[in-house]
Amino acid sequence: MEDKRLTDLELKFMEQDQAIAELSDIVNRQWQEIEQLKRKLSHTHERIISLEDAVPAPSTNEKPPHY
């Protein structure tokens, strides 16, 4: 009876160990993806700022085209 109990506990331990390893891999992949997305967002933000700086400011004295 003790052997079966010990074997059951060892099996549960191995299952838990495997689940923890899989979750760790998932978290690691998500962290890498988040870092990649943060870099892309930063690059996109910098690009938008540079494009906004390149656009001339609208003149406040100009009349709209329909006048």
PDB file of N, CA and C in Angstrom:
ATOM      1  N   MET A   1       0.821  -1.201   0.000  1.00  0.00           N
ATOM      2  CA  MET A   1       0.000   0.000   0.000  1.00  0.00           C
ATOM      3  C   MET A   1       0.867   1.268   0.000  1.00  0.00           C
ATOM      4  N   GLU A   2       1.926   1.269   0.804  1.00  0.00           N
ATOM      5  CA  GLU A   2       2.826   2.418   0.856  1.00  0.00           C
ATOM      6  C   GLU A   2       3.529   2.633  -0.480  1.00  0.00           C
ATOM      7  N   ASP A   3       3.892   1.524  -1.152  1.00  0.00           N
ATOM      8  CA  ASP A   3       4.566   1.645  -2.444  1.00  0.00           C
ATOM      9  C   ASP A   3       3.661   2.312  -3.476  1.00  0.00           C
ATOM     10  N   LYS A   4       2.392   1.944  -3.491  1.00  0.00           N
ATOM     11  CA  LYS A   4       1.441   2.536  -4.433  1.00  0.00           C
ATOM     12  C   LYS A   4       1.270   4.018  -4.145  1.00  0.00           C
ATOM     13  N   ARG A   5       1.180   4.354  -2.880  1.00  0.00           N
ATOM     14  CA  ARG A   5       1.025   5.760  -2.489  1.00  0.00           C
ATOM     15  C   ARG A   5       2.250   6.568  -2.908  1.00  0.00           C
ATOM     16  N   LEU A   6       3.408   6.022  -2.677  1.00  0.00           N
ATOM     17  CA  LEU A   6       4.648   6.693  -3.057  1.00  0.00           C
ATOM     18  C   LEU A   6       4.734   6.832  -4.577  1.00  0.00           C
ATOM     19  N   THR A   7       4.361   5.797  -5.305  1.00  0.00           N
ATOM     20  CA  THR A   7       4.370   5.839  -6.768  1.00  0.00           C
ATOM     21  C   THR A   7       3.393   6.890  -7.280  1.00  0.00           C
ATOM     22  N   ASP A   8       2.203   6.949  -6.672  1.00  0.00           N
ATOM     23  CA  ASP A   8       1.222   7.966  -7.074  1.00  0.00           C
ATOM     24  C   ASP A   8       1.757   9.377  -6.840  1.00  0.00           C
ATOM     25  N   LEU A   9       2.398   9.576  -5.708  1.00  0.00           N
ATOM     26  CA  LEU A   9       2.974  10.891  -5.419  1.00  0.00           C
ATOM     27  C   LEU A   9       4.091  11.246  -6.402  1.00  0.00           C
ATOM     28  N   GLU A  10       4.901  10.276  -6.749  1.00  0.00           N
ATOM     29  CA  GLU A  10       5.969  10.525  -7.721  1.00  0.00           C
ATOM     30  C   GLU A  10       5.390  10.872  -9.090  1.00  0.00           C
ATOM     31  N   LEU A  11       4.326  10.191  -9.492  1.00  0.00           N
ATOM     32  CA  LEU A  11       3.681  10.500 -10.772  1.00  0.00           C
ATOM     33  C   LEU A  11       3.091  11.904 -10.761  1.00  0.00           C
ATOM     34  N   LYS A  12       2.434  12.262  -9.668  1.00  0.00           N
ATOM     35  CA  LYS A  12       1.868  13.610  -9.572  1.00  0.00           C
ATOM     36  C   LYS A  12       2.974  14.660  -9.603  1.00  0.00           C
ATOM     37  N   PHE A  13       4.069  14.365  -8.917  1.00  0.00           N
ATOM     38  CA  PHE A  13       5.200  15.286  -8.923  1.00  0.00           C
ATOM     39  C   PHE A  13       5.751  15.475 -10.342  1.00  0.00           C
ATOM     40  N   MET A  14       5.905  14.393 -11.079  1.00  0.00           N
ATOM     41  CA  MET A  14       6.415  14.475 -12.455  1.00  0.00           C
ATOM     42  C   MET A  14       5.455  15.262 -13.342  1.00  0.00           C
ATOM     43  N   GLU A  15       4.145  15.038 -13.166  1.00  0.00           N
ATOM     44  CA  GLU A  15       3.153  15.785 -13.947  1.00  0.00           C
ATOM     45  C   GLU A  15       3.222  17.276 -13.630  1.00  0.00           C
ATOM     46  N   GLN A  16       3.338  17.606 -12.340  1.00  0.00           N
ATOM     47  CA  GLN A  16       3.437  19.003 -11.930  1.00  0.00           C
ATOM     48  C   GLN A  16       4.726  19.636 -12.450  1.00  0.00           C
ATOM     49  N   ASP A  17       5.801  18.885 -12.392  1.00  0.00           N
ATOM     50  CA  ASP A  17       7.083  19.379 -12.887  1.00  0.00           C
ATOM     51  C   ASP A  17       7.005  19.668 -14.386  1.00  0.00           C
ATOM     52  N   GLN A  18       6.364  18.780 -15.129  1.00  0.00           N
ATOM     53  CA  GLN A  18       6.187  18.975 -16.572  1.00  0.00           C
ATOM     54  C   GLN A  18       5.304  20.193 -16.848  1.00  0.00           C
ATOM     55  N   ALA A  19       4.227  20.344 -16.079  1.00  0.00           N
ATOM     56  CA  ALA A  19       3.328  21.492 -16.264  1.00  0.00           C
ATOM     57  C   ALA A  19       4.063  22.802 -15.984  1.00  0.00           C
ATOM     58  N   ILE A  20       4.872  22.822 -14.944  1.00  0.00           N
ATOM     59  CA  ILE A  20       5.638  24.029 -14.615  1.00  0.00           C
ATOM     60  C   ILE A  20       6.629  24.347 -15.736  1.00  0.00           C
ATOM     61  N   ALA A  21       7.281  23.338 -16.266  1.00  0.00           N
ATOM     62  CA  ALA A  21       8.233  23.555 -17.366  1.00  0.00           C
ATOM     63  C   ALA A  21       7.520  24.106 -18.602  1.00  0.00           C
ATOM     64  N   GLU A  22       6.349  23.570 -18.916  1.00  0.00           N
ATOM     65  CA  GLU A  22       5.587  24.061 -20.073  1.00  0.00           C
ATOM     66  C   GLU A  22       5.131  25.498 -19.859  1.00  0.00           C
ATOM     67  N   LEU A  23       4.646  25.810 -18.658  1.00  0.00           N
ATOM     68  CA  LEU A  23       4.223  27.180 -18.364  1.00  0.00           C
ATOM     69  C   LEU A  23       5.408  28.146 -18.422  1.00  0.00           C
ATOM     70  N   SER A  24       6.542  27.703 -17.954  1.00  0.00           N
ATOM     71  CA  SER A  24       7.735  28.541 -18.020  1.00  0.00           C
ATOM     72  C   SER A  24       8.111  28.836 -19.467  1.00  0.00           C
ATOM     73  N   ASP A  25       8.028  27.836 -20.327  1.00  0.00           N
ATOM     74  CA  ASP A  25       8.313  28.039 -21.753  1.00  0.00           C
ATOM     75  C   ASP A  25       7.325  29.029 -22.373  1.00  0.00           C
ATOM     76  N   ILE A  26       6.062  28.897 -22.016  1.00  0.00           N
ATOM     77  CA  ILE A  26       5.035  29.803 -22.552  1.00  0.00           C
ATOM     78  C   ILE A  26       5.300  31.232 -22.105  1.00  0.00           C
ATOM     79  N   VAL A  27       5.600  31.416 -20.828  1.00  0.00           N
ATOM     80  CA  VAL A  27       5.884  32.759 -20.307  1.00  0.00           C
ATOM     81  C   VAL A  27       7.116  33.338 -21.000  1.00  0.00           C
ATOM     82  N   ASN A  28       8.125  32.527 -21.214  1.00  0.00           N
ATOM     83  CA  ASN A  28       9.337  32.995 -21.886  1.00  0.00           C
ATOM     84  C   ASN A  28       9.046  33.437 -23.312  1.00  0.00           C
ATOM     85  N   ARG A  29       8.259  32.660 -24.047  1.00  0.00           N
ATOM     86  CA  ARG A  29       7.897  33.036 -25.422  1.00  0.00           C
ATOM     87  C   ARG A  29       7.073  34.319 -25.434  1.00  0.00           C
ATOM     88  N   GLN A  30       6.135  34.452 -24.487  1.00  0.00           N
ATOM     89  CA  GLN A  30       5.320  35.662 -24.416  1.00  0.00           C
ATOM     90  C   GLN A  30       6.183  36.875 -24.084  1.00  0.00           C
ATOM     91  N   TRP A  31       7.140  36.708 -23.179  1.00  0.00           N
ATOM     92  CA  TRP A  31       8.037  37.810 -22.831  1.00  0.00           C
ATOM     93  C   TRP A  31       8.826  38.260 -24.053  1.00  0.00           C
ATOM     94  N   GLN A  32       9.332  37.299 -24.830  1.00  0.00           N
ATOM     95  CA  GLN A  32      10.080  37.646 -26.042  1.00  0.00           C
ATOM     96  C   GLN A  32       9.184  38.373 -27.043  1.00  0.00           C
ATOM     97  N   GLU A  33       7.947  37.913 -27.183  1.00  0.00           N
ATOM     98  CA  GLU A  33       7.020  38.557 -28.112  1.00  0.00           C
ATOM     99  C   GLU A  33       6.682  39.978 -27.642  1.00  0.00           C
ATOM    100  N   ILE A  34       6.489  40.154 -26.347  1.00  0.00           N
ATOM    101  CA  ILE A  34       6.209  41.479 -25.808  1.00  0.00           C
ATOM    102  C   ILE A  34       7.377  42.414 -26.068  1.00  0.00           C
ATOM    103  N   GLU A  35       8.588  41.942 -25.847  1.00  0.00           N
ATOM    104  CA  GLU A  35       9.779  42.764 -26.103  1.00  0.00           C
ATOM    105  C   GLU A  35       9.859  43.147 -27.580  1.00  0.00           C
ATOM    106  N   GLN A  36       9.564  42.201 -28.465  1.00  0.00           N
ATOM    107  CA  GLN A  36       9.577  42.485 -29.904  1.00  0.00           C
ATOM    108  C   GLN A  36       8.511  43.522 -30.253  1.00  0.00           C
ATOM    109  N   LEU A  37       7.325  43.380 -29.691  1.00  0.00           N
ATOM    110  CA  LEU A  37       6.251  44.332 -29.959  1.00  0.00           C
ATOM    111  C   LEU A  37       6.573  45.718 -29.404  1.00  0.00           C
ATOM    112  N   LYS A  38       7.237  45.769 -28.253  1.00  0.00           N
ATOM    113  CA  LYS A  38       7.644  47.052 -27.696  1.00  0.00           C
ATOM    114  C   LYS A  38       8.648  47.748 -28.610  1.00  0.00           C
ATOM    115  N   ARG A  39       9.582  46.983 -29.170  1.00  0.00           N
ATOM    116  CA  ARG A  39      10.552  47.572 -30.100  1.00  0.00           C
ATOM    117  C   ARG A  39       9.850  48.088 -31.356  1.00  0.00           C
ATOM    118  N   LYS A  40       8.905  47.312 -31.875  1.00  0.00           N
ATOM    119  CA  LYS A  40       8.169  47.741 -33.073  1.00  0.00           C
ATOM    120  C   LYS A  40       7.341  48.991 -32.780  1.00  0.00           C
ATOM    121  N   LEU A  41       6.709  49.036 -31.622  1.00  0.00           N
ATOM    122  CA  LEU A  41       5.909  50.200 -31.242  1.00  0.00           C
ATOM    123  C   LEU A  41       6.786  51.437 -31.106  1.00  0.00           C
ATOM    124  N   SER A  42       7.941  51.282 -30.500  1.00  0.00           N
ATOM    125  CA  SER A  42       8.864  52.399 -30.350  1.00  0.00           C
ATOM    126  C   SER A  42       9.325  52.899 -31.719  1.00  0.00           C
ATOM    127  N   HIS A  43       9.651  51.965 -32.601  1.00  0.00           N
ATOM    128  CA  HIS A  43      10.071  52.353 -33.955  1.00  0.00           C
ATOM    129  C   HIS A  43       8.934  53.082 -34.680  1.00  0.00           C
ATOM    130  N   THR A  44       7.731  52.566 -34.557  1.00  0.00           N
ATOM    131  CA  THR A  44       6.578  53.190 -35.203  1.00  0.00           C
ATOM    132  C   THR A  44       6.331  54.585 -34.640  1.00  0.00           C
ATOM    133  N   HIS A  45       6.448  54.732 -33.335  1.00  0.00           N
ATOM    134  CA  HIS A  45       6.264  56.036 -32.705  1.00  0.00           C
ATOM    135  C   HIS A  45       7.303  57.034 -33.222  1.00  0.00           C
ATOM    136  N   GLU A  46       8.556  56.602 -33.293  1.00  0.00           N
ATOM    137  CA  GLU A  46       9.611  57.474 -33.810  1.00  0.00           C
ATOM    138  C   GLU A  46       9.332  57.865 -35.263  1.00  0.00           C
ATOM    139  N   ARG A  47       8.832  56.924 -36.042  1.00  0.00           N
ATOM    140  CA  ARG A  47       8.518  57.201 -37.451  1.00  0.00           C
ATOM    141  C   ARG A  47       7.381  58.216 -37.563  1.00  0.00           C
ATOM    142  N   ILE A  48       6.368  58.069 -36.739  1.00  0.00           N
ATOM    143  CA  ILE A  48       5.241  59.016 -36.760  1.00  0.00           C
ATOM    144  C   ILE A  48       5.720  60.411 -36.386  1.00  0.00           C
ATOM    145  N   ILE A  49       6.556  60.498 -35.365  1.00  0.00           N
ATOM    146  CA  ILE A  49       7.084  61.797 -34.953  1.00  0.00           C
ATOM    147  C   ILE A  49       7.883  62.436 -36.083  1.00  0.00           C
ATOM    148  N   SER A  50       8.713  61.657 -36.757  1.00  0.00           N
ATOM    149  CA  SER A  50       9.516  62.222 -37.847  1.00  0.00           C
ATOM    150  C   SER A  50       8.628  62.654 -39.011  1.00  0.00           C
ATOM    151  N   LEU A  51       7.565  61.908 -39.286  1.00  0.00           N
ATOM    152  CA  LEU A  51       6.645  62.311 -40.350  1.00  0.00           C
ATOM    153  C   LEU A  51       5.871  63.568 -39.968  1.00  0.00           C
ATOM    154  N   GLU A  52       5.477  63.683 -38.709  1.00  0.00           N
ATOM    155  CA  GLU A  52       4.777  64.889 -38.260  1.00  0.00           C
ATOM    156  C   GLU A  52       5.696  66.102 -38.362  1.00  0.00           C
ATOM    157  N   ASP A  53       6.974  65.915 -38.041  1.00  0.00           N
ATOM    158  CA  ASP A  53       7.923  67.022 -38.126  1.00  0.00           C
ATOM    159  C   ASP A  53       8.156  67.445 -39.574  1.00  0.00           C
ATOM    160  N   ALA A  54       8.000  66.523 -40.505  1.00  0.00           N
ATOM    161  CA  ALA A  54       8.243  66.825 -41.915  1.00  0.00           C
ATOM    162  C   ALA A  54       7.067  67.547 -42.568  1.00  0.00           C
ATOM    163  N   VAL A  55       5.893  67.450 -41.983  1.00  0.00           N
ATOM    164  CA  VAL A  55       4.702  68.100 -42.553  1.00  0.00           C
ATOM    165  C   VAL A  55       4.705  69.561 -42.131  1.00  0.00           C
ATOM    166  N   PRO A  56       4.561  70.474 -43.105  1.00  0.00           N
ATOM    167  CA  PRO A  56       4.560  71.897 -42.744  1.00  0.00           C
ATOM    168  C   PRO A  56       3.310  72.248 -41.918  1.00  0.00           C
ATOM    169  N   ALA A  57       3.485  73.188 -41.030  1.00  0.00           N
ATOM    170  CA  ALA A  57       2.363  73.628 -40.188  1.00  0.00           C
ATOM    171  C   ALA A  57       1.354  74.374 -41.053  1.00  0.00           C
ATOM    172  N   PRO A  58       0.077  74.177 -40.815  1.00  0.00           N
ATOM    173  CA  PRO A  58      -0.927  74.880 -41.623  1.00  0.00           C
ATOM    174  C   PRO A  58      -0.908  76.377 -41.316  1.00  0.00           C
ATOM    175  N   SER A  59      -1.109  77.141 -42.352  1.00  0.00           N
ATOM    176  CA  SER A  59      -1.154  78.595 -42.196  1.00  0.00           C
ATOM    177  C   SER A  59      -2.523  78.990 -41.652  1.00  0.00           C
ATOM    178  N   THR A  60      -2.551  79.839 -40.669  1.00  0.00           N
ATOM    179  CA  THR A  60      -3.822  80.233 -40.063  1.00  0.00           C
ATOM    180  C   THR A  60      -4.487  81.333 -40.876  1.00  0.00           C
ATOM    181  N   ASN A  61      -3.751  81.965 -41.802  1.00  0.00           N
ATOM    182  CA  ASN A  61      -4.314  83.082 -42.593  1.00  0.00           C
ATOM    183  C   ASN A  61      -4.915  82.585 -43.906  1.00  0.00           C
ATOM    184  N   GLU A  62      -4.733  81.350 -44.241  1.00  0.00           N
ATOM    185  CA  GLU A  62      -5.263  80.848 -45.520  1.00  0.00           C
ATOM    186  C   GLU A  62      -6.756  80.665 -45.450  1.00  0.00           C
ATOM    187  N   LYS A  63      -7.413  81.008 -46.534  1.00  0.00           N
ATOM    188  CA  LYS A  63      -8.848  80.757 -46.629  1.00  0.00           C
ATOM    189  C   LYS A  63      -9.051  79.328 -47.126  1.00  0.00           C
ATOM    190  N   PRO A  64     -10.106  78.700 -46.703  1.00  0.00           N
ATOM    191  CA  PRO A  64     -10.402  77.345 -47.215  1.00  0.00           C
ATOM    192  C   PRO A  64     -10.605  77.371 -48.726  1.00  0.00           C
ATOM    193  N   PRO A  65     -10.362  76.262 -49.405  1.00  0.00           N
ATOM    194  CA  PRO A  65     -10.436  76.222 -50.866  1.00  0.00           C
ATOM    195  C   PRO A  65     -11.797  76.582 -51.445  1.00  0.00           C
ATOM    196  N   HIS A  66     -12.864  76.466 -50.706  1.00  0.00           N
ATOM    197  CA  HIS A  66     -14.184  76.732 -51.269  1.00  0.00           C
ATOM    198  C   HIS A  66     -14.519  78.230 -51.309  1.00  0.00           C
ATOM    199  N   TYR A  67     -13.644  79.106 -50.794  1.00  0.00           N
ATOM    200  CA  TYR A  67     -13.895  80.555 -50.873  1.00  0.00           C
ATOM    201  C   TYR A  67     -13.369  81.124 -52.159  1.00  0.00           C
TER     202      TYR A  67
END
